[in-house]
Protein backbone atom coordinates (compact mmCIF):
# COMPACT_ATOMS: atom_id res chain seq x y z
CA MET A 1 0.32 -3.95 5.80
CA TRP A 2 -3.13 -4.58 4.40
CA GLU A 3 -3.88 -0.88 3.93
CA THR A 4 -1.15 -0.44 1.34
CA GLY A 5 -2.39 0.16 -2.16
CA ARG A 6 -5.29 2.26 -0.95
CA ASN A 7 -3.61 5.56 -1.72
CA PHE A 8 -3.52 6.45 1.98
CA TYR A 9 -1.32 9.51 1.42
CA PRO A 10 -2.59 10.88 -1.91
CA THR A 11 -0.42 14.01 -1.74
CA ILE A 12 2.82 12.03 -1.68
CA ASP A 13 4.28 12.01 -5.17
CA ASN A 14 5.58 8.57 -6.23
CA ALA A 15 7.48 10.04 -9.19
CA LEU A 16 9.98 12.09 -7.19
CA THR A 17 13.52 10.70 -7.01
CA LEU A 18 15.69 13.41 -5.46
CA GLU A 19 15.95 13.38 -1.67
CA GLU A 20 15.34 17.15 -1.44
CA ASP A 21 12.22 16.94 -3.63
CA ILE A 22 10.81 14.01 -1.65
CA LEU A 23 11.39 15.82 1.64
CA ALA A 24 9.82 19.03 0.27
CA ASN A 25 6.79 16.97 -0.82
CA LEU A 26 6.41 15.44 2.66
CA LYS A 27 6.78 18.65 4.70
CA PRO A 28 3.34 20.18 3.97
CA ARG A 29 1.63 16.96 5.06
CA PHE A 30 3.81 16.38 8.14
CA PRO A 31 4.54 19.68 9.96
CA ILE A 32 6.86 17.92 12.44
CA LEU A 33 9.40 17.72 9.61
CA ARG A 34 9.50 21.53 9.49
CA GLU A 35 9.58 21.91 13.26
CA SER A 36 12.13 19.28 14.26
CA LYS A 37 15.59 18.85 12.75
CA LEU A 38 15.79 15.40 14.40
CA HIS A 39 12.65 14.22 12.59
CA GLU A 40 13.82 15.76 9.32
CA GLU A 41 17.21 14.03 9.57
CA SER A 42 15.55 10.73 10.46
CA VAL A 43 13.29 10.90 7.41
CA LYS A 44 16.28 11.86 5.23
CA LEU A 45 18.08 8.71 6.41
CA TRP A 46 14.97 6.67 5.71
CA ILE A 47 14.67 8.15 2.19
CA GLN A 48 18.31 7.22 1.54
CA HIS A 49 17.56 3.70 2.77
CA THR A 50 14.56 3.37 0.43
CA GLN A 51 16.67 4.52 -2.50
CA ALA A 52 19.35 1.94 -1.69
CA THR A 53 16.98 -1.03 -1.21
CA HIS A 54 14.53 -2.51 -3.70
CA SER A 55 10.84 -2.97 -2.98
CA ASN A 56 7.83 -3.76 -5.16
CA LEU A 57 5.83 -1.23 -3.15
CA SER A 58 5.36 2.29 -4.43
CA PHE A 59 7.11 5.00 -2.42
CA ARG A 60 3.73 6.13 -1.06
CA ASP A 61 2.81 2.64 0.17
CA ARG A 62 6.28 2.08 1.55
CA PHE A 63 6.08 5.36 3.46
CA TYR A 64 2.73 4.33 4.92
CA LEU A 65 3.97 0.89 5.89
CA GLU A 66 7.41 1.76 7.23
CA GLN A 67 6.67 5.13 8.84
CA ARG A 68 3.11 4.84 10.10
CA VAL A 69 2.30 1.17 10.58
CA SER A 70 5.73 0.39 11.98
CA GLY A 71 5.32 3.13 14.57
CA TRP A 72 2.11 1.87 16.09
CA LEU A 73 3.09 -1.77 15.65
CA ALA A 74 6.30 -1.15 17.60
CA ALA A 75 4.27 0.33 20.45
CA LEU A 76 1.87 -2.62 20.34
CA GLU A 77 4.76 -5.08 20.43
CA GLN A 78 6.24 -3.33 23.47
CA ALA A 79 2.94 -3.73 25.28
CA MET A 80 2.71 -7.38 24.21
CA ASP A 81 6.15 -8.04 25.70
CA LEU A 82 4.38 -8.17 29.06
CA THR A 83 2.74 -11.42 27.98
CA SER A 84 4.51 -14.74 27.69
CA PHE A 85 3.29 -15.47 24.14
CA ASP A 86 5.55 -15.92 21.14
CA ARG A 87 4.36 -13.96 18.14
CA ILE A 88 5.12 -14.37 14.46
CA HIS A 89 4.25 -11.61 12.00
CA PRO A 90 4.36 -12.94 8.42
CA ALA A 91 3.86 -9.42 7.07
CA ASN A 92 6.97 -8.24 8.91
CA CYS A 93 9.20 -9.57 6.15
CA GLN A 94 10.10 -7.40 3.15
CA ASP A 95 10.21 -10.42 0.84
CA MET A 96 6.67 -11.43 1.89
CA ILE A 97 5.39 -7.88 1.43
CA ASP A 98 6.97 -7.69 -2.03
CA LEU A 99 5.29 -10.97 -3.01
CA LEU A 100 1.92 -9.71 -1.81
CA ALA A 101 2.42 -6.49 -3.77
CA LEU A 102 2.74 -8.54 -6.95
CA THR A 103 -0.76 -9.99 -6.71
CA GLU A 104 -3.32 -8.94 -9.25
CA PHE A 105 -6.25 -6.73 -8.36
CA ASN A 106 -8.75 -9.58 -8.69
CA PRO A 107 -6.88 -12.90 -8.24
CA GLN A 108 -9.85 -14.96 -7.03
CA PRO A 109 -10.86 -16.54 -10.38
CA LYS A 110 -7.30 -17.74 -11.01
CA ILE A 111 -7.08 -19.14 -7.49
CA ILE A 112 -10.41 -20.94 -7.95
CA GLN A 113 -9.22 -22.26 -11.33
CA GLU A 114 -6.20 -23.78 -9.62
CA LEU A 115 -7.99 -25.17 -6.58
CA GLN A 116 -11.48 -26.16 -7.78
CA PRO A 117 -12.24 -25.38 -11.45
CA LYS A 118 -15.81 -26.72 -11.28
CA LEU A 119 -16.74 -23.82 -9.01
CA LEU A 120 -16.23 -21.45 -11.94
CA GLU A 121 -19.25 -23.00 -13.65
CA THR A 122 -21.43 -21.23 -11.07
CA ALA A 123 -21.80 -17.46 -11.39
CA PHE A 124 -20.63 -15.49 -8.39
CA ASN A 125 -21.10 -11.80 -7.74
CA PRO A 126 -23.24 -11.39 -10.87
CA ARG A 127 -23.59 -7.80 -12.02
CA SER A 128 -27.05 -6.31 -12.08
CA LEU A 129 -28.53 -4.74 -15.20
CA LYS A 130 -28.19 -1.37 -13.48
CA GLU A 131 -24.43 -1.90 -13.00
CA ILE A 132 -23.99 -3.00 -16.62
CA LEU A 133 -25.88 0.06 -17.93
CA LYS A 134 -23.95 2.36 -15.61
CA ASP A 135 -20.62 0.98 -16.87
CA PHE A 136 -21.79 1.33 -20.47
CA TYR A 137 -22.85 4.94 -19.83
CA TYR A 138 -19.48 5.86 -18.30
CA PHE A 139 -17.59 4.12 -21.09
CA ALA A 140 -19.65 5.83 -23.82
CA TYR A 141 -19.50 9.22 -22.07
CA HIS A 142 -15.71 9.16 -21.78
CA LYS A 143 -15.25 7.91 -25.36
CA LEU A 144 -17.47 10.69 -26.73
CA ARG A 145 -15.70 13.38 -24.68
CA ARG A 146 -12.41 12.67 -26.43
């Protein structure tokens, strides 16, 4: 779950909406879809499911989570069945995943503001002069290029 949002499959196009287009976009990356009708039909059913159910995740992240992570997690769970432990996976709930997908990129200051506002009086992760100049250079460079 925690790898979502990292653009794990950059060649998967989030903008596609037609089942045929999505499948055509996936086939170059996953040759098994060209070689096996069973796999192709399974992914078609999954695409139909994603189109019928809402998620805050992008298609790319949902593909990563539901097709890749679920595969190895299922195998791990089968192995863990040999133990007598009860397991709870909070990230195995679509509602929880959707809530996590809503978080901001840098939520820490808001969390600190809520929990202990005095901590914000102390600088944390201060940027060096080199970082500030580098950011200024990139900003100026891109503005002047336009």
